[in-house]
Amino acid sequence: MITNWIRKQLNLLMGNDHSRLHKKLIRSGHLVTGTDTRIEKCKVYMPAQLQPGFVNITIGKDSMVEGSFVLYSPNARVTIGDRVYIGPGTTIYCYEEIEIGDDIMFSWDITVLDTNAHSLVWEERKNDVVNWKKGAGFKEWSVVQHEKVVVKNKAWIGFNSILLKGVTIGEGAVVAAGSVVVKSVDDYTVVGGNPAQFIKKTS
């Protein structure tokens, strides 16, 4: 007989521990999903206090999200289009806005973030650890740089890649595995490396 403790651990491993939160967020309108989209393995971490009526996460139809969302502010907005796959271990960190188009593949263990998370100036970040223990809302975000991230239609992001704040990944572009993208990528272009550099055009 499976004990409650074992069942809970199995749910954690299978990614089902957030199914109750999904339903709550959908009911409150903070999470919107399209038809035939699967999010049962997706994990969502959000501020305790959310803005009433504000849609934080939108996912289009026929998509499958197995990664995680970490929203740093009540006004954080992540928009994902139709027929998008986001693999396990991939984490999207959003303070302001991240926009992902249609027909896009994110492999596994990818990091996407629209913020530096901490100030570059020591005096401005010296209390971050102490404040962070209280919750994301207690950190001094006004000194942290953030800028929207955009991934356009038909792009493919390889595993273990990192997309940093302010970048736009062009339509049909390919980011090679293990790349660190610090500047925008043109349409139908392959980039790779750290920092990611032009490799070739796809056609």
N, C-alpha and C. Protein backbone atom coordinates (compact mmCIF):
# COMPACT_ATOMS: atom_id res chain seq x y z
N MET A 1 0.84 -1.20 0.00
CA MET A 1 0.00 0.00 0.00
C MET A 1 0.89 1.25 0.00
N ILE A 2 0.58 2.21 -0.87
CA ILE A 2 1.38 3.42 -0.97
C ILE A 2 0.96 4.39 0.12
N THR A 3 1.90 4.80 0.94
CA THR A 3 1.60 5.75 1.99
C THR A 3 1.43 7.15 1.41
N ASN A 4 0.82 8.03 2.19
CA ASN A 4 0.63 9.41 1.74
C ASN A 4 1.97 10.08 1.45
N TRP A 5 2.98 9.79 2.28
CA TRP A 5 4.29 10.40 2.08
C TRP A 5 4.89 9.97 0.75
N ILE A 6 4.82 8.67 0.44
CA ILE A 6 5.36 8.17 -0.83
C ILE A 6 4.59 8.76 -2.00
N ARG A 7 3.27 8.83 -1.85
CA ARG A 7 2.45 9.39 -2.93
C ARG A 7 2.85 10.85 -3.19
N LYS A 8 3.10 11.59 -2.10
CA LYS A 8 3.50 12.99 -2.25
C LYS A 8 4.84 13.09 -2.98
N GLN A 9 5.79 12.22 -2.65
CA GLN A 9 7.09 12.24 -3.31
C GLN A 9 6.95 11.89 -4.79
N LEU A 10 6.08 10.93 -5.10
CA LEU A 10 5.86 10.57 -6.50
C LEU A 10 5.25 11.75 -7.26
N ASN A 11 4.32 12.44 -6.61
CA ASN A 11 3.72 13.62 -7.25
C ASN A 11 4.77 14.68 -7.52
N LEU A 12 5.69 14.88 -6.58
CA LEU A 12 6.75 15.85 -6.77
C LEU A 12 7.63 15.47 -7.96
N LEU A 13 7.97 14.18 -8.04
CA LEU A 13 8.83 13.72 -9.12
C LEU A 13 8.13 13.84 -10.47
N MET A 14 6.83 13.60 -10.50
CA MET A 14 6.09 13.65 -11.75
C MET A 14 5.64 15.07 -12.10
N GLY A 15 5.93 16.02 -11.22
CA GLY A 15 5.54 17.39 -11.52
C GLY A 15 4.10 17.71 -11.25
N ASN A 16 3.40 16.87 -10.48
CA ASN A 16 1.99 17.09 -10.23
C ASN A 16 1.72 17.93 -8.99
N ASP A 17 2.76 18.33 -8.28
CA ASP A 17 2.58 19.06 -7.04
C ASP A 17 1.98 20.44 -7.26
N HIS A 18 2.01 20.96 -8.48
CA HIS A 18 1.49 22.28 -8.75
C HIS A 18 0.12 22.26 -9.41
N SER A 19 -0.47 21.08 -9.57
CA SER A 19 -1.76 21.01 -10.26
C SER A 19 -2.84 21.79 -9.52
N ARG A 20 -2.80 21.78 -8.19
CA ARG A 20 -3.78 22.55 -7.42
C ARG A 20 -3.57 24.05 -7.64
N LEU A 21 -2.29 24.46 -7.67
CA LEU A 21 -1.99 25.87 -7.92
C LEU A 21 -2.43 26.27 -9.32
N HIS A 22 -2.21 25.39 -10.31
CA HIS A 22 -2.65 25.69 -11.68
C HIS A 22 -4.14 26.03 -11.69
N LYS A 23 -4.93 25.18 -11.03
CA LYS A 23 -6.38 25.38 -11.03
C LYS A 23 -6.75 26.69 -10.36
N LYS A 24 -6.06 27.01 -9.28
CA LYS A 24 -6.33 28.26 -8.57
C LYS A 24 -5.99 29.46 -9.45
N LEU A 25 -4.84 29.41 -10.12
CA LEU A 25 -4.42 30.51 -10.98
C LEU A 25 -5.34 30.67 -12.19
N ILE A 26 -5.83 29.55 -12.73
CA ILE A 26 -6.77 29.62 -13.85
C ILE A 26 -8.09 30.22 -13.40
N ARG A 27 -8.57 29.79 -12.24
CA ARG A 27 -9.83 30.34 -11.73
C ARG A 27 -9.73 31.84 -11.48
N SER A 28 -8.58 32.29 -10.99
CA SER A 28 -8.41 33.71 -10.68
C SER A 28 -8.06 34.54 -11.91
N GLY A 29 -7.78 33.88 -13.05
CA GLY A 29 -7.46 34.59 -14.28
C GLY A 29 -6.00 34.96 -14.45
N HIS A 30 -5.15 34.55 -13.50
CA HIS A 30 -3.72 34.86 -13.61
C HIS A 30 -3.00 33.94 -14.58
N LEU A 31 -3.58 32.79 -14.89
CA LEU A 31 -3.03 31.82 -15.84
C LEU A 31 -4.11 31.48 -16.85
N VAL A 32 -3.79 31.64 -18.13
CA VAL A 32 -4.73 31.34 -19.21
C VAL A 32 -4.07 30.36 -20.16
N THR A 33 -4.75 29.27 -20.47
CA THR A 33 -4.19 28.28 -21.40
C THR A 33 -5.18 28.02 -22.53
N GLY A 34 -4.62 27.72 -23.71
CA GLY A 34 -5.44 27.40 -24.87
C GLY A 34 -5.85 25.95 -24.90
N THR A 35 -6.64 25.60 -25.90
CA THR A 35 -7.15 24.23 -26.02
C THR A 35 -6.02 23.25 -26.32
N ASP A 36 -6.14 22.06 -25.75
CA ASP A 36 -5.19 20.96 -25.97
C ASP A 36 -3.76 21.32 -25.57
N THR A 37 -3.62 22.20 -24.61
CA THR A 37 -2.30 22.53 -24.07
C THR A 37 -2.09 21.77 -22.77
N ARG A 38 -0.89 21.21 -22.61
CA ARG A 38 -0.59 20.39 -21.43
C ARG A 38 0.40 21.13 -20.53
N ILE A 39 0.03 21.27 -19.26
CA ILE A 39 0.91 21.95 -18.30
C ILE A 39 1.05 21.16 -17.00
N GLU A 40 0.63 19.90 -17.01
CA GLU A 40 0.62 19.16 -15.74
C GLU A 40 2.00 18.97 -15.13
N LYS A 41 3.06 19.04 -15.93
CA LYS A 41 4.42 18.91 -15.40
C LYS A 41 5.08 20.27 -15.16
N CYS A 42 4.35 21.33 -15.41
CA CYS A 42 4.88 22.68 -15.26
C CYS A 42 4.79 23.13 -13.80
N LYS A 43 5.83 23.81 -13.35
CA LYS A 43 5.83 24.38 -12.00
C LYS A 43 5.78 25.90 -12.10
N VAL A 44 5.04 26.52 -11.19
CA VAL A 44 4.86 27.96 -11.20
C VAL A 44 5.18 28.51 -9.81
N TYR A 45 6.06 29.50 -9.76
CA TYR A 45 6.40 30.18 -8.52
C TYR A 45 6.07 31.66 -8.69
N MET A 46 5.14 32.15 -7.87
CA MET A 46 4.66 33.51 -8.04
C MET A 46 4.68 34.25 -6.71
N PRO A 47 4.66 35.59 -6.76
CA PRO A 47 4.57 36.36 -5.51
C PRO A 47 3.29 36.02 -4.76
N ALA A 48 3.33 36.17 -3.45
CA ALA A 48 2.16 35.86 -2.63
C ALA A 48 0.99 36.78 -2.97
N GLN A 49 1.30 38.05 -3.26
CA GLN A 49 0.26 39.01 -3.58
C GLN A 49 0.27 39.30 -5.09
N LEU A 50 -0.84 39.00 -5.74
CA LEU A 50 -0.96 39.23 -7.18
C LEU A 50 -1.96 40.35 -7.44
N GLN A 51 -1.85 40.95 -8.64
CA GLN A 51 -2.77 42.02 -9.01
C GLN A 51 -4.09 41.42 -9.48
N PRO A 52 -5.19 41.78 -8.86
CA PRO A 52 -6.50 41.25 -9.29
C PRO A 52 -6.75 41.58 -10.76
N GLY A 53 -7.18 40.57 -11.52
CA GLY A 53 -7.51 40.77 -12.92
C GLY A 53 -6.33 40.83 -13.87
N PHE A 54 -5.11 40.72 -13.34
CA PHE A 54 -3.92 40.80 -14.20
C PHE A 54 -3.53 39.40 -14.65
N VAL A 55 -3.38 39.20 -15.97
CA VAL A 55 -2.98 37.90 -16.51
C VAL A 55 -1.46 37.82 -16.50
N ASN A 56 -0.90 36.95 -15.68
CA ASN A 56 0.54 36.82 -15.57
C ASN A 56 1.13 35.86 -16.60
N ILE A 57 0.42 34.76 -16.87
CA ILE A 57 0.93 33.76 -17.81
C ILE A 57 -0.16 33.41 -18.81
N THR A 58 0.16 33.53 -20.08
CA THR A 58 -0.76 33.12 -21.15
C THR A 58 -0.05 32.09 -22.02
N ILE A 59 -0.69 30.95 -22.23
CA ILE A 59 -0.12 29.89 -23.08
C ILE A 59 -1.16 29.56 -24.14
N GLY A 60 -0.76 29.54 -25.39
CA GLY A 60 -1.68 29.29 -26.49
C GLY A 60 -2.09 27.83 -26.61
N LYS A 61 -2.65 27.48 -27.73
CA LYS A 61 -3.19 26.14 -27.93
C LYS A 61 -2.11 25.16 -28.40
N ASP A 62 -2.39 23.87 -28.18
CA ASP A 62 -1.55 22.77 -28.67
C ASP A 62 -0.10 22.88 -28.21
N SER A 63 0.12 23.46 -27.05
CA SER A 63 1.47 23.59 -26.51
C SER A 63 1.70 22.58 -25.39
N MET A 64 2.96 22.40 -25.02
CA MET A 64 3.31 21.51 -23.91
C MET A 64 4.44 22.15 -23.12
N VAL A 65 4.15 22.45 -21.86
CA VAL A 65 5.12 23.13 -21.00
C VAL A 65 5.50 22.20 -19.86
N GLU A 66 6.77 21.79 -19.84
CA GLU A 66 7.26 20.91 -18.79
C GLU A 66 8.30 21.60 -17.91
N GLY A 67 8.57 22.88 -18.18
CA GLY A 67 9.53 23.63 -17.40
C GLY A 67 8.87 24.40 -16.28
N SER A 68 9.55 25.44 -15.79
CA SER A 68 9.08 26.22 -14.64
C SER A 68 9.02 27.70 -14.97
N PHE A 69 8.11 28.37 -14.29
CA PHE A 69 8.02 29.83 -14.33
C PHE A 69 8.34 30.37 -12.95
N VAL A 70 9.21 31.35 -12.88
CA VAL A 70 9.48 32.07 -11.64
C VAL A 70 9.18 33.53 -11.89
N LEU A 71 8.11 34.03 -11.29
CA LEU A 71 7.71 35.42 -11.49
C LEU A 71 8.13 36.22 -10.27
N TYR A 72 8.88 37.28 -10.50
CA TYR A 72 9.45 38.07 -9.42
C TYR A 72 8.56 39.22 -8.97
N SER A 73 7.56 39.59 -9.76
CA SER A 73 6.72 40.72 -9.39
C SER A 73 5.26 40.43 -9.74
N PRO A 74 4.32 41.09 -9.07
CA PRO A 74 2.90 40.88 -9.38
C PRO A 74 2.53 41.27 -10.80
N ASN A 75 3.35 42.12 -11.43
CA ASN A 75 3.07 42.59 -12.79
C ASN A 75 3.89 41.86 -13.85
N ALA A 76 4.58 40.81 -13.46
CA ALA A 76 5.34 40.02 -14.43
C ALA A 76 4.39 39.36 -15.42
N ARG A 77 4.78 39.39 -16.70
CA ARG A 77 3.90 38.82 -17.74
C ARG A 77 4.72 37.94 -18.69
N VAL A 78 4.29 36.69 -18.82
CA VAL A 78 4.88 35.75 -19.77
C VAL A 78 3.80 35.35 -20.76
N THR A 79 4.08 35.56 -22.05
CA THR A 79 3.13 35.22 -23.10
C THR A 79 3.76 34.17 -24.01
N ILE A 80 3.08 33.06 -24.17
CA ILE A 80 3.57 31.94 -25.00
C ILE A 80 2.51 31.65 -26.05
N GLY A 81 2.93 31.45 -27.28
CA GLY A 81 2.00 31.25 -28.38
C GLY A 81 1.52 29.81 -28.53
N ASP A 82 1.13 29.47 -29.75
CA ASP A 82 0.58 28.15 -30.08
C ASP A 82 1.70 27.19 -30.51
N ARG A 83 1.48 25.92 -30.21
CA ARG A 83 2.38 24.83 -30.64
C ARG A 83 3.82 25.08 -30.17
N VAL A 84 3.94 25.39 -28.90
CA VAL A 84 5.25 25.64 -28.28
C VAL A 84 5.58 24.50 -27.33
N TYR A 85 6.81 24.03 -27.39
CA TYR A 85 7.27 23.02 -26.44
C TYR A 85 8.36 23.63 -25.57
N ILE A 86 8.20 23.49 -24.26
CA ILE A 86 9.21 23.94 -23.31
C ILE A 86 9.61 22.74 -22.45
N GLY A 87 10.84 22.29 -22.62
CA GLY A 87 11.29 21.04 -22.04
C GLY A 87 11.55 21.09 -20.55
N PRO A 88 11.70 19.91 -19.93
CA PRO A 88 11.94 19.83 -18.49
C PRO A 88 13.26 20.47 -18.10
N GLY A 89 13.28 21.06 -16.93
CA GLY A 89 14.49 21.72 -16.45
C GLY A 89 14.65 23.13 -16.97
N THR A 90 13.84 23.52 -17.94
CA THR A 90 13.89 24.89 -18.45
C THR A 90 13.16 25.81 -17.48
N THR A 91 13.78 26.94 -17.16
CA THR A 91 13.17 27.88 -16.22
C THR A 91 13.11 29.27 -16.84
N ILE A 92 11.94 29.87 -16.76
CA ILE A 92 11.72 31.22 -17.26
C ILE A 92 11.56 32.14 -16.05
N TYR A 93 12.54 33.04 -15.88
CA TYR A 93 12.53 33.99 -14.77
C TYR A 93 12.06 35.34 -15.30
N CYS A 94 10.97 35.85 -14.77
CA CYS A 94 10.40 37.07 -15.33
C CYS A 94 10.11 38.10 -14.24
N TYR A 95 10.65 39.30 -14.44
CA TYR A 95 10.31 40.43 -13.58
C TYR A 95 9.32 41.35 -14.28
N GLU A 96 9.50 41.53 -15.60
CA GLU A 96 8.65 42.46 -16.34
C GLU A 96 7.88 41.77 -17.46
N GLU A 97 8.59 41.33 -18.54
CA GLU A 97 7.87 40.72 -19.65
C GLU A 97 8.77 39.83 -20.50
N ILE A 98 8.24 38.65 -20.82
CA ILE A 98 8.88 37.73 -21.75
C ILE A 98 7.81 37.28 -22.74
N GLU A 99 8.12 37.41 -24.02
CA GLU A 99 7.16 37.07 -25.08
C GLU A 99 7.74 35.99 -25.97
N ILE A 100 7.01 34.88 -26.07
CA ILE A 100 7.44 33.73 -26.87
C ILE A 100 6.35 33.48 -27.91
N GLY A 101 6.76 33.41 -29.17
CA GLY A 101 5.79 33.30 -30.27
C GLY A 101 5.25 31.90 -30.49
N ASP A 102 4.92 31.59 -31.75
CA ASP A 102 4.32 30.31 -32.13
C ASP A 102 5.36 29.36 -32.71
N ASP A 103 5.05 28.05 -32.64
CA ASP A 103 5.85 27.02 -33.32
C ASP A 103 7.32 27.07 -32.89
N ILE A 104 7.54 27.13 -31.59
CA ILE A 104 8.89 27.25 -31.04
C ILE A 104 9.22 26.03 -30.19
N MET A 105 10.46 25.59 -30.25
CA MET A 105 10.93 24.49 -29.41
C MET A 105 12.01 24.98 -28.46
N PHE A 106 11.77 24.80 -27.17
CA PHE A 106 12.79 25.00 -26.15
C PHE A 106 13.19 23.61 -25.68
N SER A 107 14.44 23.28 -25.76
CA SER A 107 14.90 21.98 -25.30
C SER A 107 14.90 21.97 -23.76
N TRP A 108 15.75 21.14 -23.15
CA TRP A 108 15.74 21.03 -21.69
C TRP A 108 16.86 21.87 -21.07
N ASP A 109 16.65 22.20 -19.79
CA ASP A 109 17.66 22.91 -18.97
C ASP A 109 18.07 24.26 -19.56
N ILE A 110 17.13 24.97 -20.12
CA ILE A 110 17.37 26.31 -20.65
C ILE A 110 16.99 27.34 -19.58
N THR A 111 17.71 28.44 -19.56
CA THR A 111 17.38 29.55 -18.67
C THR A 111 17.05 30.78 -19.49
N VAL A 112 15.92 31.38 -19.20
CA VAL A 112 15.52 32.64 -19.84
C VAL A 112 15.22 33.63 -18.73
N LEU A 113 15.83 34.82 -18.78
CA LEU A 113 15.52 35.82 -17.76
C LEU A 113 15.59 37.22 -18.33
N ASP A 114 14.64 38.04 -17.87
CA ASP A 114 14.55 39.42 -18.36
C ASP A 114 15.13 40.41 -17.37
N THR A 115 15.93 39.93 -16.42
CA THR A 115 16.46 40.79 -15.38
C THR A 115 17.87 40.35 -15.00
N ASN A 116 18.64 41.30 -14.47
CA ASN A 116 19.95 40.94 -13.92
C ASN A 116 19.82 40.24 -12.57
N ALA A 117 18.65 40.33 -11.96
CA ALA A 117 18.34 39.73 -10.66
C ALA A 117 18.98 40.47 -9.49
N HIS A 118 20.15 41.06 -9.71
CA HIS A 118 20.84 41.83 -8.67
C HIS A 118 21.50 43.04 -9.32
N SER A 119 21.71 44.07 -8.53
CA SER A 119 22.43 45.25 -9.02
C SER A 119 23.89 44.89 -9.26
N LEU A 120 24.52 45.55 -10.21
CA LEU A 120 25.94 45.38 -10.45
C LEU A 120 26.79 46.11 -9.41
N VAL A 121 26.16 47.00 -8.67
CA VAL A 121 26.86 47.81 -7.67
C VAL A 121 26.73 47.15 -6.29
N TRP A 122 27.86 46.87 -5.65
CA TRP A 122 27.85 46.16 -4.37
C TRP A 122 26.98 46.84 -3.32
N GLU A 123 27.10 48.14 -3.18
CA GLU A 123 26.34 48.85 -2.14
C GLU A 123 24.84 48.68 -2.34
N GLU A 124 24.41 48.48 -3.59
CA GLU A 124 22.99 48.34 -3.87
C GLU A 124 22.50 46.90 -3.71
N ARG A 125 23.41 45.94 -3.66
CA ARG A 125 22.99 44.54 -3.53
C ARG A 125 23.42 43.90 -2.21
N LYS A 126 24.05 44.66 -1.33
CA LYS A 126 24.64 44.08 -0.13
C LYS A 126 23.61 43.44 0.80
N ASN A 127 22.35 43.88 0.74
CA ASN A 127 21.32 43.30 1.60
C ASN A 127 20.43 42.30 0.89
N ASP A 128 20.78 41.94 -0.36
CA ASP A 128 19.90 41.08 -1.15
C ASP A 128 19.65 39.72 -0.50
N VAL A 129 20.67 39.11 0.06
CA VAL A 129 20.49 37.78 0.64
C VAL A 129 19.55 37.84 1.84
N VAL A 130 19.76 38.81 2.71
CA VAL A 130 18.91 38.95 3.90
C VAL A 130 17.47 39.23 3.49
N ASN A 131 17.29 40.14 2.54
CA ASN A 131 15.94 40.47 2.09
C ASN A 131 15.30 39.34 1.31
N TRP A 132 16.12 38.64 0.53
CA TRP A 132 15.59 37.54 -0.31
C TRP A 132 14.99 36.43 0.54
N LYS A 133 15.54 36.21 1.73
CA LYS A 133 15.01 35.17 2.62
C LYS A 133 13.58 35.47 3.05
N LYS A 134 13.21 36.74 3.02
CA LYS A 134 11.85 37.14 3.40
C LYS A 134 10.88 36.95 2.24
N GLY A 135 11.40 36.87 1.02
CA GLY A 135 10.56 36.74 -0.17
C GLY A 135 11.01 37.71 -1.24
N ALA A 136 10.67 37.40 -2.50
CA ALA A 136 11.14 38.20 -3.63
C ALA A 136 10.70 39.65 -3.53
N GLY A 137 9.54 39.90 -2.95
CA GLY A 137 9.03 41.25 -2.87
C GLY A 137 9.79 42.16 -1.93
N PHE A 138 10.64 41.59 -1.07
CA PHE A 138 11.38 42.40 -0.11
C PHE A 138 12.70 42.92 -0.67
N LYS A 139 13.12 42.38 -1.81
CA LYS A 139 14.37 42.85 -2.40
C LYS A 139 14.17 44.22 -3.04
N GLU A 140 15.23 45.01 -3.09
CA GLU A 140 15.15 46.35 -3.69
C GLU A 140 15.30 46.23 -5.20
N TRP A 141 14.16 46.07 -5.89
CA TRP A 141 14.19 45.84 -7.33
C TRP A 141 14.43 47.11 -8.13
N SER A 142 14.25 48.28 -7.54
CA SER A 142 14.39 49.52 -8.30
C SER A 142 15.81 49.74 -8.81
N VAL A 143 16.79 49.07 -8.22
CA VAL A 143 18.19 49.24 -8.65
C VAL A 143 18.64 48.12 -9.59
N VAL A 144 17.71 47.25 -9.96
CA VAL A 144 18.05 46.09 -10.80
C VAL A 144 17.60 46.36 -12.23
N GLN A 145 18.50 46.13 -13.18
CA GLN A 145 18.16 46.33 -14.59
C GLN A 145 17.31 45.17 -15.10
N HIS A 146 16.32 45.50 -15.91
CA HIS A 146 15.50 44.48 -16.56
C HIS A 146 15.03 44.99 -17.91
N GLU A 147 14.84 44.07 -18.84
CA GLU A 147 14.44 44.44 -20.20
C GLU A 147 13.77 43.24 -20.86
N LYS A 148 12.74 43.50 -21.60
CA LYS A 148 11.92 42.46 -22.22
C LYS A 148 12.73 41.51 -23.09
N VAL A 149 12.37 40.23 -23.05
CA VAL A 149 12.94 39.20 -23.92
C VAL A 149 11.86 38.75 -24.91
N VAL A 150 12.24 38.61 -26.17
CA VAL A 150 11.31 38.18 -27.21
C VAL A 150 11.92 37.00 -27.97
N VAL A 151 11.13 35.95 -28.14
CA VAL A 151 11.52 34.83 -29.00
C VAL A 151 10.46 34.73 -30.10
N LYS A 152 10.88 34.96 -31.34
CA LYS A 152 9.92 35.02 -32.44
C LYS A 152 9.57 33.63 -32.97
N ASN A 153 8.53 33.59 -33.80
CA ASN A 153 7.99 32.33 -34.32
C ASN A 153 9.07 31.43 -34.95
N LYS A 154 8.90 30.14 -34.78
CA LYS A 154 9.67 29.10 -35.48
C LYS A 154 11.11 28.96 -34.99
N ALA A 155 11.44 29.62 -33.89
CA ALA A 155 12.81 29.50 -33.37
C ALA A 155 12.99 28.15 -32.66
N TRP A 156 14.25 27.77 -32.49
CA TRP A 156 14.61 26.53 -31.78
C TRP A 156 15.77 26.86 -30.85
N ILE A 157 15.56 26.62 -29.56
CA ILE A 157 16.57 26.93 -28.55
C ILE A 157 17.16 25.62 -28.03
N GLY A 158 18.45 25.41 -28.22
CA GLY A 158 19.11 24.16 -27.83
C GLY A 158 19.29 24.04 -26.33
N PHE A 159 19.50 22.80 -25.86
CA PHE A 159 19.58 22.54 -24.43
C PHE A 159 20.77 23.24 -23.77
N ASN A 160 20.57 23.55 -22.49
CA ASN A 160 21.58 24.22 -21.66
C ASN A 160 21.92 25.63 -22.14
N SER A 161 21.08 26.22 -22.94
CA SER A 161 21.32 27.59 -23.39
C SER A 161 20.79 28.60 -22.38
N ILE A 162 21.28 29.83 -22.47
CA ILE A 162 20.85 30.91 -21.59
C ILE A 162 20.52 32.12 -22.46
N LEU A 163 19.32 32.65 -22.28
CA LEU A 163 18.90 33.88 -22.97
C LEU A 163 18.81 34.98 -21.93
N LEU A 164 19.63 36.02 -22.08
CA LEU A 164 19.69 37.08 -21.10
C LEU A 164 18.81 38.27 -21.47
N LYS A 165 18.63 39.16 -20.53
CA LYS A 165 17.68 40.26 -20.66
C LYS A 165 17.90 41.07 -21.93
N GLY A 166 16.80 41.53 -22.53
CA GLY A 166 16.86 42.45 -23.65
C GLY A 166 17.08 41.83 -25.01
N VAL A 167 17.27 40.51 -25.09
CA VAL A 167 17.55 39.90 -26.39
C VAL A 167 16.25 39.58 -27.13
N THR A 168 16.35 39.62 -28.45
CA THR A 168 15.29 39.13 -29.33
C THR A 168 15.88 38.02 -30.18
N ILE A 169 15.23 36.86 -30.14
CA ILE A 169 15.63 35.74 -30.98
C ILE A 169 14.76 35.80 -32.22
N GLY A 170 15.38 35.95 -33.38
CA GLY A 170 14.64 36.16 -34.62
C GLY A 170 13.81 34.98 -35.07
N GLU A 171 12.93 35.23 -36.00
CA GLU A 171 12.07 34.18 -36.57
C GLU A 171 12.93 33.09 -37.20
N GLY A 172 12.61 31.84 -36.89
CA GLY A 172 13.31 30.71 -37.48
C GLY A 172 14.75 30.56 -37.05
N ALA A 173 15.19 31.35 -36.09
CA ALA A 173 16.59 31.28 -35.64
C ALA A 173 16.82 30.01 -34.81
N VAL A 174 18.08 29.59 -34.76
CA VAL A 174 18.49 28.41 -33.98
C VAL A 174 19.61 28.83 -33.04
N VAL A 175 19.41 28.55 -31.76
CA VAL A 175 20.46 28.78 -30.76
C VAL A 175 21.06 27.42 -30.41
N ALA A 176 22.35 27.25 -30.71
CA ALA A 176 23.00 25.96 -30.50
C ALA A 176 23.07 25.63 -29.01
N ALA A 177 23.15 24.34 -28.71
CA ALA A 177 23.21 23.86 -27.34
C ALA A 177 24.35 24.52 -26.57
N GLY A 178 24.07 24.89 -25.32
CA GLY A 178 25.10 25.44 -24.45
C GLY A 178 25.47 26.89 -24.72
N SER A 179 24.67 27.59 -25.49
CA SER A 179 25.00 28.97 -25.84
C SER A 179 24.53 29.95 -24.77
N VAL A 180 25.23 31.09 -24.70
CA VAL A 180 24.82 32.19 -23.83
C VAL A 180 24.53 33.38 -24.74
N VAL A 181 23.27 33.73 -24.87
CA VAL A 181 22.85 34.77 -25.80
C VAL A 181 22.76 36.10 -25.06
N VAL A 182 23.63 37.04 -25.43
CA VAL A 182 23.68 38.34 -24.76
C VAL A 182 23.27 39.47 -25.70
N LYS A 183 23.10 39.17 -26.99
CA LYS A 183 22.62 40.18 -27.93
C LYS A 183 21.66 39.52 -28.91
N SER A 184 20.84 40.31 -29.55
CA SER A 184 19.77 39.79 -30.38
C SER A 184 20.29 38.98 -31.57
N VAL A 185 19.45 38.06 -32.01
CA VAL A 185 19.78 37.13 -33.10
C VAL A 185 18.89 37.41 -34.29
N ASP A 186 19.47 37.51 -35.46
CA ASP A 186 18.70 37.79 -36.68
C ASP A 186 17.81 36.60 -37.06
N ASP A 187 16.82 36.90 -37.90
CA ASP A 187 15.94 35.85 -38.41
C ASP A 187 16.75 34.79 -39.16
N TYR A 188 16.32 33.54 -39.04
CA TYR A 188 16.87 32.41 -39.80
C TYR A 188 18.41 32.36 -39.75
N THR A 189 18.89 32.51 -38.52
CA THR A 189 20.33 32.51 -38.27
C THR A 189 20.65 31.49 -37.18
N VAL A 190 21.77 30.80 -37.33
CA VAL A 190 22.26 29.89 -36.30
C VAL A 190 23.36 30.61 -35.52
N VAL A 191 23.23 30.61 -34.17
CA VAL A 191 24.28 31.18 -33.32
C VAL A 191 24.70 30.14 -32.29
N GLY A 192 25.93 30.29 -31.78
CA GLY A 192 26.40 29.36 -30.77
C GLY A 192 27.59 29.91 -30.03
N GLY A 193 27.85 29.36 -28.84
CA GLY A 193 29.02 29.74 -28.07
C GLY A 193 28.69 30.64 -26.90
N ASN A 194 29.73 31.06 -26.18
CA ASN A 194 29.60 31.95 -25.03
C ASN A 194 30.64 33.07 -25.14
N PRO A 195 30.21 34.27 -25.51
CA PRO A 195 28.84 34.65 -25.88
C PRO A 195 28.49 34.10 -27.27
N ALA A 196 27.20 33.94 -27.53
CA ALA A 196 26.76 33.37 -28.80
C ALA A 196 27.16 34.26 -29.97
N GLN A 197 27.71 33.62 -31.01
CA GLN A 197 28.15 34.33 -32.21
C GLN A 197 27.50 33.71 -33.44
N PHE A 198 27.47 34.48 -34.51
CA PHE A 198 26.93 34.00 -35.78
C PHE A 198 27.70 32.78 -36.27
N ILE A 199 26.94 31.75 -36.69
CA ILE A 199 27.56 30.56 -37.29
C ILE A 199 27.22 30.49 -38.78
N LYS A 200 25.92 30.57 -39.07
CA LYS A 200 25.51 30.52 -40.47
C LYS A 200 24.04 30.88 -40.57
N LYS A 201 23.56 31.07 -41.79
CA LYS A 201 22.13 31.23 -42.04
C LYS A 201 21.53 29.84 -42.22
N THR A 202 20.25 29.71 -41.90
CA THR A 202 19.61 28.41 -42.02
C THR A 202 19.20 28.10 -43.45
N SER A 203 19.13 29.13 -44.30
CA SER A 203 18.77 28.88 -45.69
C SER A 203 19.38 29.95 -46.58
